[in-house]
Amino acid sequence: CYLPGGMRVHVVWFGEMPFGMERIYAALARCSLFLSIGTSG
């Protein structure tokens, strides 16, 4: 839109909804293997 002042980094901040949750849950519902790598849990 060429307007200044409205730009922010495209990251999810605390209190905001993560991206792609519907796609993620659909994949989890049909997967045969789930790997968790390098996460605090």
All heavy atoms as atom14 arrays in JSON, in Angstrom:
{
  "sequence": "CYLPGGMRVHVVWFGEMPFGMERIYAALARCSLFLSIGTSG",
  "atom14_mask": [
    [1, 1, 1, 1, 1, 1, 0, 0, 0, 0, 0, 0, 0, 0],
    [1, 1, 1, 1, 1, 1, 1, 1, 1, 1, 1, 1, 0, 0],
    [1, 1, 1, 1, 1, 1, 1, 1, 0, 0, 0, 0, 0, 0],
    [1, 1, 1, 1, 1, 1, 1, 0, 0, 0, 0, 0, 0, 0],
    [1, 1, 1, 1, 0, 0, 0, 0, 0, 0, 0, 0, 0, 0],
    [1, 1, 1, 1, 0, 0, 0, 0, 0, 0, 0, 0, 0, 0],
    [1, 1, 1, 1, 1, 1, 1, 1, 0, 0, 0, 0, 0, 0],
    [1, 1, 1, 1, 1, 1, 1, 1, 1, 1, 1, 0, 0, 0],
    [1, 1, 1, 1, 1, 1, 1, 0, 0, 0, 0, 0, 0, 0],
    [1, 1, 1, 1, 1, 1, 1, 1, 1, 1, 0, 0, 0, 0],
    [1, 1, 1, 1, 1, 1, 1, 0, 0, 0, 0, 0, 0, 0],
    [1, 1, 1, 1, 1, 1, 1, 0, 0, 0, 0, 0, 0, 0],
    [1, 1, 1, 1, 1, 1, 1, 1, 1, 1, 1, 1, 1, 1],
    [1, 1, 1, 1, 1, 1, 1, 1, 1, 1, 1, 0, 0, 0],
    [1, 1, 1, 1, 0, 0, 0, 0, 0, 0, 0, 0, 0, 0],
    [1, 1, 1, 1, 1, 1, 1, 1, 1, 0, 0, 0, 0, 0],
    [1, 1, 1, 1, 1, 1, 1, 1, 0, 0, 0, 0, 0, 0],
    [1, 1, 1, 1, 1, 1, 1, 0, 0, 0, 0, 0, 0, 0],
    [1, 1, 1, 1, 1, 1, 1, 1, 1, 1, 1, 0, 0, 0],
    [1, 1, 1, 1, 0, 0, 0, 0, 0, 0, 0, 0, 0, 0],
    [1, 1, 1, 1, 1, 1, 1, 1, 0, 0, 0, 0, 0, 0],
    [1, 1, 1, 1, 1, 1, 1, 1, 1, 0, 0, 0, 0, 0],
    [1, 1, 1, 1, 1, 1, 1, 1, 1, 1, 1, 0, 0, 0],
    [1, 1, 1, 1, 1, 1, 1, 1, 0, 0, 0, 0, 0, 0],
    [1, 1, 1, 1, 1, 1, 1, 1, 1, 1, 1, 1, 0, 0],
    [1, 1, 1, 1, 1, 0, 0, 0, 0, 0, 0, 0, 0, 0],
    [1, 1, 1, 1, 1, 0, 0, 0, 0, 0, 0, 0, 0, 0],
    [1, 1, 1, 1, 1, 1, 1, 1, 0, 0, 0, 0, 0, 0],
    [1, 1, 1, 1, 1, 0, 0, 0, 0, 0, 0, 0, 0, 0],
    [1, 1, 1, 1, 1, 1, 1, 1, 1, 1, 1, 0, 0, 0],
    [1, 1, 1, 1, 1, 1, 0, 0, 0, 0, 0, 0, 0, 0],
    [1, 1, 1, 1, 1, 1, 0, 0, 0, 0, 0, 0, 0, 0],
    [1, 1, 1, 1, 1, 1, 1, 1, 0, 0, 0, 0, 0, 0],
    [1, 1, 1, 1, 1, 1, 1, 1, 1, 1, 1, 0, 0, 0],
    [1, 1, 1, 1, 1, 1, 1, 1, 0, 0, 0, 0, 0, 0],
    [1, 1, 1, 1, 1, 1, 0, 0, 0, 0, 0, 0, 0, 0],
    [1, 1, 1, 1, 1, 1, 1, 1, 0, 0, 0, 0, 0, 0],
    [1, 1, 1, 1, 0, 0, 0, 0, 0, 0, 0, 0, 0, 0],
    [1, 1, 1, 1, 1, 1, 1, 0, 0, 0, 0, 0, 0, 0],
    [1, 1, 1, 1, 1, 1, 0, 0, 0, 0, 0, 0, 0, 0],
    [1, 1, 1, 1, 0, 0, 0, 0, 0, 0, 0, 0, 0, 0]
  ],
  "atom14_positions": [
    [[0.81, -1.22, 0.0], [0.0, 0.0, 0.0], [0.84, 1.27, 0.0], [0.3, 2.37, -0.09], [-0.95, 0.0, 1.19], [-0.14, 0.15, 2.81], [0.0, 0.0, 0.0], [0.0, 0.0, 0.0], [0.0, 0.0, 0.0], [0.0, 0.0, 0.0], [0.0, 0.0, 0.0], [0.0, 0.0, 0.0], [0.0, 0.0, 0.0], [0.0, 0.0, 0.0]],
    [[2.17, 1.11, 0.15], [3.14, 2.21, 0.1], [3.04, 3.16, 1.28], [3.7, 4.21, 1.3], [3.02, 3.0, -1.22], [3.12, 2.11, -2.43], [1.99, 1.84, -3.2], [4.33, 1.52, -2.78], [2.07, 1.0, -4.31], [4.41, 0.67, -3.89], [3.29, 0.43, -4.64], [3.38, -0.4, -5.72], [0.0, 0.0, 0.0], [0.0, 0.0, 0.0]],
    [[2.23, 2.82, 2.29], [2.1, 3.69, 3.45], [3.21, 3.39, 4.46], [3.5, 2.22, 4.74], [0.74, 3.5, 4.12], [-0.49, 3.94, 3.32], [-1.76, 3.57, 4.07], [-0.43, 5.45, 3.07], [0.0, 0.0, 0.0], [0.0, 0.0, 0.0], [0.0, 0.0, 0.0], [0.0, 0.0, 0.0], [0.0, 0.0, 0.0], [0.0, 0.0, 0.0]],
    [[3.83, 4.4, 5.05], [4.82, 4.17, 6.1], [4.15, 4.02, 7.46], [2.98, 4.38, 7.64], [5.66, 5.45, 6.06], [4.69, 6.5, 5.62], [3.72, 5.83, 4.68], [0.0, 0.0, 0.0], [0.0, 0.0, 0.0], [0.0, 0.0, 0.0], [0.0, 0.0, 0.0], [0.0, 0.0, 0.0], [0.0, 0.0, 0.0], [0.0, 0.0, 0.0]],
    [[4.89, 3.44, 8.4], [4.44, 3.4, 9.79], [3.69, 2.17, 10.21], [3.43, 1.99, 11.41], [0.0, 0.0, 0.0], [0.0, 0.0, 0.0], [0.0, 0.0, 0.0], [0.0, 0.0, 0.0], [0.0, 0.0, 0.0], [0.0, 0.0, 0.0], [0.0, 0.0, 0.0], [0.0, 0.0, 0.0], [0.0, 0.0, 0.0], [0.0, 0.0, 0.0]],
    [[3.33, 1.31, 9.27], [2.53, 0.14, 9.63], [3.26, -1.18, 9.56], [2.66, -2.23, 9.8], [0.0, 0.0, 0.0], [0.0, 0.0, 0.0], [0.0, 0.0, 0.0], [0.0, 0.0, 0.0], [0.0, 0.0, 0.0], [0.0, 0.0, 0.0], [0.0, 0.0, 0.0], [0.0, 0.0, 0.0], [0.0, 0.0, 0.0], [0.0, 0.0, 0.0]],
    [[4.55, -1.16, 9.27], [5.28, -2.42, 9.11], [5.71, -3.02, 10.45], [6.11, -2.3, 11.36], [6.52, -2.21, 8.23], [6.22, -1.83, 6.79], [5.2, -3.06, 5.92], [6.23, -4.52, 6.0], [0.0, 0.0, 0.0], [0.0, 0.0, 0.0], [0.0, 0.0, 0.0], [0.0, 0.0, 0.0], [0.0, 0.0, 0.0], [0.0, 0.0, 0.0]],
    [[5.63, -4.34, 10.54], [6.12, -5.09, 11.69], [6.73, -6.38, 11.17], [6.44, -6.83, 10.06], [5.0, -5.42, 12.67], [3.85, -6.22, 12.08], [2.95, -6.83, 13.14], [3.53, -8.05, 13.69], [2.91, -8.84, 14.59], [1.7, -8.51, 15.03], [3.48, -9.94, 15.04], [0.0, 0.0, 0.0], [0.0, 0.0, 0.0], [0.0, 0.0, 0.0]],
    [[7.58, -6.98, 11.97], [8.16, -8.26, 11.59], [7.05, -9.31, 11.56], [6.1, -9.28, 12.35], [9.29, -8.64, 12.59], [8.72, -8.91, 13.98], [10.1, -9.83, 12.08], [0.0, 0.0, 0.0], [0.0, 0.0, 0.0], [0.0, 0.0, 0.0], [0.0, 0.0, 0.0], [0.0, 0.0, 0.0], [0.0, 0.0, 0.0], [0.0, 0.0, 0.0]],
    [[7.16, -10.25, 10.62], [6.11, -11.26, 10.42], [6.38, -12.47, 11.32], [6.66, -13.57, 10.87], [6.07, -11.68, 8.95], [4.95, -12.62, 8.61], [3.62, -12.34, 8.88], [4.96, -13.85, 8.01], [2.86, -13.33, 8.46], [3.66, -14.26, 7.94], [0.0, 0.0, 0.0], [0.0, 0.0, 0.0], [0.0, 0.0, 0.0], [0.0, 0.0, 0.0]],
    [[6.33, -12.23, 12.62], [6.49, -13.31, 13.6], [5.29, -13.29, 14.54], [4.61, -12.28, 14.68], [7.81, -13.18, 14.41], [9.02, -13.2, 13.48], [7.8, -11.96, 15.29], [0.0, 0.0, 0.0], [0.0, 0.0, 0.0], [0.0, 0.0, 0.0], [0.0, 0.0, 0.0], [0.0, 0.0, 0.0], [0.0, 0.0, 0.0], [0.0, 0.0, 0.0]],
    [[5.07, -14.43, 15.16], [3.98, -14.57, 16.12], [4.48, -14.15, 17.5], [5.41, -14.75, 18.04], [3.46, -16.02, 16.16], [2.4, -16.19, 17.23], [2.91, -16.42, 14.79], [0.0, 0.0, 0.0], [0.0, 0.0, 0.0], [0.0, 0.0, 0.0], [0.0, 0.0, 0.0], [0.0, 0.0, 0.0], [0.0, 0.0, 0.0], [0.0, 0.0, 0.0]],
    [[3.86, -13.12, 18.04], [4.23, -12.66, 19.38], [3.38, -13.37, 20.42], [2.35, -13.97, 20.11], [4.03, -11.14, 19.48], [5.08, -10.36, 18.75], [6.38, -10.7, 18.56], [4.9, -9.1, 18.09], [7.04, -9.73, 17.85], [6.16, -8.72, 17.55], [3.83, -8.22, 17.92], [6.36, -7.54, 16.85], [4.02, -7.03, 17.23], [5.28, -6.7, 16.7]],
    [[3.82, -13.29, 21.68], [3.05, -13.88, 22.77], [1.66, -13.23, 22.81], [1.53, -12.01, 22.72], [3.77, -13.68, 24.1], [5.02, -14.52, 24.22], [6.25, -14.05, 23.79], [4.95, -15.81, 24.73], [7.4, -14.82, 23.88], [6.09, -16.6, 24.82], [7.31, -16.11, 24.39], [0.0, 0.0, 0.0], [0.0, 0.0, 0.0], [0.0, 0.0, 0.0]],
    [[0.66, -14.08, 22.9], [-0.72, -13.6, 22.87], [-1.35, -13.66, 21.5], [-2.55, -13.39, 21.36], [0.0, 0.0, 0.0], [0.0, 0.0, 0.0], [0.0, 0.0, 0.0], [0.0, 0.0, 0.0], [0.0, 0.0, 0.0], [0.0, 0.0, 0.0], [0.0, 0.0, 0.0], [0.0, 0.0, 0.0], [0.0, 0.0, 0.0], [0.0, 0.0, 0.0]],
    [[-0.56, -14.02, 20.47], [-1.09, -14.14, 19.11], [-1.2, -15.61, 18.72], [-0.5, -16.47, 19.26], [-0.19, -13.39, 18.12], [-0.14, -11.89, 18.37], [0.73, -11.15, 17.38], [1.74, -11.72, 16.91], [0.41, -9.98, 17.09], [0.0, 0.0, 0.0], [0.0, 0.0, 0.0], [0.0, 0.0, 0.0], [0.0, 0.0, 0.0], [0.0, 0.0, 0.0]],
    [[-2.06, -15.9, 17.75], [-2.28, -17.28, 17.31], [-1.21, -17.72, 16.32], [-0.95, -17.02, 15.34], [-3.67, -17.38, 16.65], [-4.01, -18.76, 16.15], [-4.12, -20.0, 17.48], [-5.59, -19.43, 18.33], [0.0, 0.0, 0.0], [0.0, 0.0, 0.0], [0.0, 0.0, 0.0], [0.0, 0.0, 0.0], [0.0, 0.0, 0.0], [0.0, 0.0, 0.0]],
    [[-0.58, -18.86, 16.55], [0.39, -19.38, 15.58], [-0.27, -19.61, 14.21], [-1.49, -19.78, 14.1], [0.85, -20.7, 16.2], [0.63, -20.52, 17.66], [-0.63, -19.7, 17.77], [0.0, 0.0, 0.0], [0.0, 0.0, 0.0], [0.0, 0.0, 0.0], [0.0, 0.0, 0.0], [0.0, 0.0, 0.0], [0.0, 0.0, 0.0], [0.0, 0.0, 0.0]],
    [[0.55, -19.67, 13.2], [0.08, -19.86, 11.83], [-0.12, -21.35, 11.52], [0.58, -22.21, 12.06], [1.08, -19.28, 10.83], [1.33, -17.81, 10.99], [2.62, -17.32, 11.07], [0.28, -16.91, 11.05], [2.86, -15.96, 11.2], [0.5, -15.55, 11.2], [1.81, -15.07, 11.27], [0.0, 0.0, 0.0], [0.0, 0.0, 0.0], [0.0, 0.0, 0.0]],
    [[-1.06, -21.62, 10.62], [-1.2, -22.95, 10.03], [-1.73, -24.04, 10.94], [-1.52, -25.23, 10.67], [0.0, 0.0, 0.0], [0.0, 0.0, 0.0], [0.0, 0.0, 0.0], [0.0, 0.0, 0.0], [0.0, 0.0, 0.0], [0.0, 0.0, 0.0], [0.0, 0.0, 0.0], [0.0, 0.0, 0.0], [0.0, 0.0, 0.0], [0.0, 0.0, 0.0]],
    [[-2.42, -23.68, 12.01], [-2.82, -24.7, 12.99], [-3.77, -25.74, 12.4], [-3.68, -26.93, 12.71], [-3.44, -24.03, 14.21], [-2.47, -23.15, 14.99], [-0.96, -24.04, 15.47], [-1.64, -25.3, 16.52], [0.0, 0.0, 0.0], [0.0, 0.0, 0.0], [0.0, 0.0, 0.0], [0.0, 0.0, 0.0], [0.0, 0.0, 0.0], [0.0, 0.0, 0.0]],
    [[-4.67, -25.34, 11.53], [-5.62, -26.29, 10.94], [-4.87, -27.34, 10.12], [-5.14, -28.55, 10.22], [-6.63, -25.54, 10.07], [-7.73, -26.44, 9.52], [-8.81, -25.66, 8.77], [-8.91, -24.43, 8.96], [-9.54, -26.29, 7.99], [0.0, 0.0, 0.0], [0.0, 0.0, 0.0], [0.0, 0.0, 0.0], [0.0, 0.0, 0.0], [0.0, 0.0, 0.0]],
    [[-3.89, -26.88, 9.34], [-3.1, -27.81, 8.53], [-2.27, -28.74, 9.42], [-2.15, -29.94, 9.14], [-2.2, -27.02, 7.58], [-1.35, -27.89, 6.68], [-0.42, -27.04, 5.83], [0.49, -27.88, 5.05], [1.56, -27.41, 4.42], [1.85, -26.12, 4.47], [2.34, -28.24, 3.74], [0.0, 0.0, 0.0], [0.0, 0.0, 0.0], [0.0, 0.0, 0.0]],
    [[-1.7, -28.19, 10.48], [-0.88, -29.0, 11.39], [-1.7, -30.09, 12.06], [-1.31, -31.27, 12.07], [-0.22, -28.1, 12.46], [0.79, -27.15, 11.81], [0.47, -28.96, 13.52], [1.28, -26.04, 12.74], [0.0, 0.0, 0.0], [0.0, 0.0, 0.0], [0.0, 0.0, 0.0], [0.0, 0.0, 0.0], [0.0, 0.0, 0.0], [0.0, 0.0, 0.0]],
    [[-2.86, -29.73, 12.61], [-3.67, -30.72, 13.31], [-4.2, -31.79, 12.35], [-4.31, -32.97, 12.72], [-4.82, -30.04, 14.04], [-4.4, -29.34, 15.31], [-4.76, -28.02, 15.58], [-3.63, -30.0, 16.27], [-4.36, -27.39, 16.74], [-3.23, -29.38, 17.44], [-3.6, -28.07, 17.66], [-3.2, -27.44, 18.83], [0.0, 0.0, 0.0], [0.0, 0.0, 0.0]],
    [[-4.49, -31.41, 11.11], [-4.93, -32.4, 10.12], [-3.81, -33.4, 9.83], [-4.05, -34.61, 9.71], [-5.37, -31.71, 8.84], [0.0, 0.0, 0.0], [0.0, 0.0, 0.0], [0.0, 0.0, 0.0], [0.0, 0.0, 0.0], [0.0, 0.0, 0.0], [0.0, 0.0, 0.0], [0.0, 0.0, 0.0], [0.0, 0.0, 0.0], [0.0, 0.0, 0.0]],
    [[-2.59, -32.9, 9.71], [-1.44, -33.79, 9.46], [-1.17, -34.7, 10.66], [-0.87, -35.89, 10.5], [-0.21, -32.96, 9.13], [0.0, 0.0, 0.0], [0.0, 0.0, 0.0], [0.0, 0.0, 0.0], [0.0, 0.0, 0.0], [0.0, 0.0, 0.0], [0.0, 0.0, 0.0], [0.0, 0.0, 0.0], [0.0, 0.0, 0.0], [0.0, 0.0, 0.0]],
    [[-1.29, -34.16, 11.88], [-1.07, -34.97, 13.09], [-2.13, -36.07, 13.2], [-1.83, -37.17, 13.69], [-1.11, -34.09, 14.33], [0.06, -33.12, 14.52], [-0.25, -32.12, 15.62], [1.35, -33.88, 14.85], [0.0, 0.0, 0.0], [0.0, 0.0, 0.0], [0.0, 0.0, 0.0], [0.0, 0.0, 0.0], [0.0, 0.0, 0.0], [0.0, 0.0, 0.0]],
    [[-3.33, -35.8, 12.74], [-4.42, -36.76, 12.86], [-4.23, -37.97, 11.96], [-4.82, -39.03, 12.22], [-5.75, -36.08, 12.54], [0.0, 0.0, 0.0], [0.0, 0.0, 0.0], [0.0, 0.0, 0.0], [0.0, 0.0, 0.0], [0.0, 0.0, 0.0], [0.0, 0.0, 0.0], [0.0, 0.0, 0.0], [0.0, 0.0, 0.0], [0.0, 0.0, 0.0]],
    [[-3.41, -37.83, 10.91], [-3.24, -38.97, 9.99], [-1.81, -39.5, 9.91], [-1.55, -40.45, 9.18], [-3.71, -38.57, 8.59], [-2.92, -37.47, 7.93], [-3.44, -37.19, 6.51], [-2.69, -36.11, 5.88], [-3.03, -34.83, 5.93], [-4.11, -34.46, 6.61], [-2.3, -33.91, 5.34], [0.0, 0.0, 0.0], [0.0, 0.0, 0.0], [0.0, 0.0, 0.0]],
    [[-0.89, -38.93, 10.68], [0.51, -39.35, 10.54], [0.77, -40.7, 11.19], [0.07, -41.12, 12.11], [1.45, -38.29, 11.1], [1.48, -38.17, 12.91], [0.0, 0.0, 0.0], [0.0, 0.0, 0.0], [0.0, 0.0, 0.0], [0.0, 0.0, 0.0], [0.0, 0.0, 0.0], [0.0, 0.0, 0.0], [0.0, 0.0, 0.0], [0.0, 0.0, 0.0]],
    [[1.82, -41.36, 10.72], [2.26, -42.61, 11.33], [3.53, -42.42, 12.15], [3.92, -43.3, 12.92], [2.53, -43.66, 10.25], [3.54, -43.22, 9.36], [0.0, 0.0, 0.0], [0.0, 0.0, 0.0], [0.0, 0.0, 0.0], [0.0, 0.0, 0.0], [0.0, 0.0, 0.0], [0.0, 0.0, 0.0], [0.0, 0.0, 0.0], [0.0, 0.0, 0.0]],
    [[4.19, -41.27, 11.98], [5.41, -40.98, 12.73], [5.44, -39.49, 13.07], [5.26, -38.64, 12.19], [6.65, -41.33, 11.9], [8.02, -40.98, 12.5], [8.26, -41.75, 13.8], [9.14, -41.26, 11.49], [0.0, 0.0, 0.0], [0.0, 0.0, 0.0], [0.0, 0.0, 0.0], [0.0, 0.0, 0.0], [0.0, 0.0, 0.0], [0.0, 0.0, 0.0]],
    [[5.69, -39.2, 14.34], [5.85, -37.82, 14.78], [7.22, -37.68, 15.41], [7.55, -38.37, 16.38], [4.76, -37.42, 15.79], [4.98, -36.06, 16.4], [4.85, -34.91, 15.65], [5.35, -35.94, 17.74], [5.07, -33.65, 16.21], [5.57, -34.69, 18.32], [5.43, -33.55, 17.54], [0.0, 0.0, 0.0], [0.0, 0.0, 0.0], [0.0, 0.0, 0.0]],
    [[8.03, -36.78, 14.86], [9.36, -36.49, 15.38], [9.38, -35.1, 15.99], [8.95, -34.13, 15.36], [10.4, -36.52, 14.25], [10.64, -37.81, 13.49], [11.68, -37.58, 12.4], [11.1, -38.91, 14.43], [0.0, 0.0, 0.0], [0.0, 0.0, 0.0], [0.0, 0.0, 0.0], [0.0, 0.0, 0.0], [0.0, 0.0, 0.0], [0.0, 0.0, 0.0]],
    [[9.89, -34.99, 17.2], [10.09, -33.7, 17.85], [11.59, -33.5, 18.04], [12.26, -34.32, 18.67], [9.37, -33.66, 19.2], [9.61, -32.44, 19.87], [0.0, 0.0, 0.0], [0.0, 0.0, 0.0], [0.0, 0.0, 0.0], [0.0, 0.0, 0.0], [0.0, 0.0, 0.0], [0.0, 0.0, 0.0], [0.0, 0.0, 0.0], [0.0, 0.0, 0.0]],
    [[12.11, -32.41, 17.48], [13.56, -32.21, 17.44], [13.92, -30.84, 18.02], [13.45, -29.81, 17.55], [14.08, -32.28, 15.98], [13.72, -33.63, 15.35], [15.57, -32.04, 15.93], [14.01, -33.71, 13.86], [0.0, 0.0, 0.0], [0.0, 0.0, 0.0], [0.0, 0.0, 0.0], [0.0, 0.0, 0.0], [0.0, 0.0, 0.0], [0.0, 0.0, 0.0]],
    [[14.75, -30.84, 19.06], [15.3, -29.61, 19.58], [14.29, -28.67, 20.21], [14.41, -27.45, 20.08], [0.0, 0.0, 0.0], [0.0, 0.0, 0.0], [0.0, 0.0, 0.0], [0.0, 0.0, 0.0], [0.0, 0.0, 0.0], [0.0, 0.0, 0.0], [0.0, 0.0, 0.0], [0.0, 0.0, 0.0], [0.0, 0.0, 0.0], [0.0, 0.0, 0.0]],
    [[13.32, -29.23, 20.91], [12.29, -28.39, 21.54], [12.3, -28.55, 23.05], [12.65, -29.61, 23.58], [10.89, -28.73, 21.01], [10.53, -30.04, 21.44], [10.84, -28.66, 19.5], [0.0, 0.0, 0.0], [0.0, 0.0, 0.0], [0.0, 0.0, 0.0], [0.0, 0.0, 0.0], [0.0, 0.0, 0.0], [0.0, 0.0, 0.0], [0.0, 0.0, 0.0]],
    [[11.89, -27.49, 23.74], [11.87, -27.51, 25.2], [10.67, -28.24, 25.76], [10.68, -28.7, 26.91], [11.88, -26.07, 25.74], [10.7, -25.39, 25.32], [0.0, 0.0, 0.0], [0.0, 0.0, 0.0], [0.0, 0.0, 0.0], [0.0, 0.0, 0.0], [0.0, 0.0, 0.0], [0.0, 0.0, 0.0], [0.0, 0.0, 0.0], [0.0, 0.0, 0.0]],
    [[9.6, -28.32, 24.97], [8.4, -29.0, 25.42], [7.56, -28.21, 26.4], [6.69, -28.78, 27.06], [0.0, 0.0, 0.0], [0.0, 0.0, 0.0], [0.0, 0.0, 0.0], [0.0, 0.0, 0.0], [0.0, 0.0, 0.0], [0.0, 0.0, 0.0], [0.0, 0.0, 0.0], [0.0, 0.0, 0.0], [0.0, 0.0, 0.0], [0.0, 0.0, 0.0]]
  ]
}
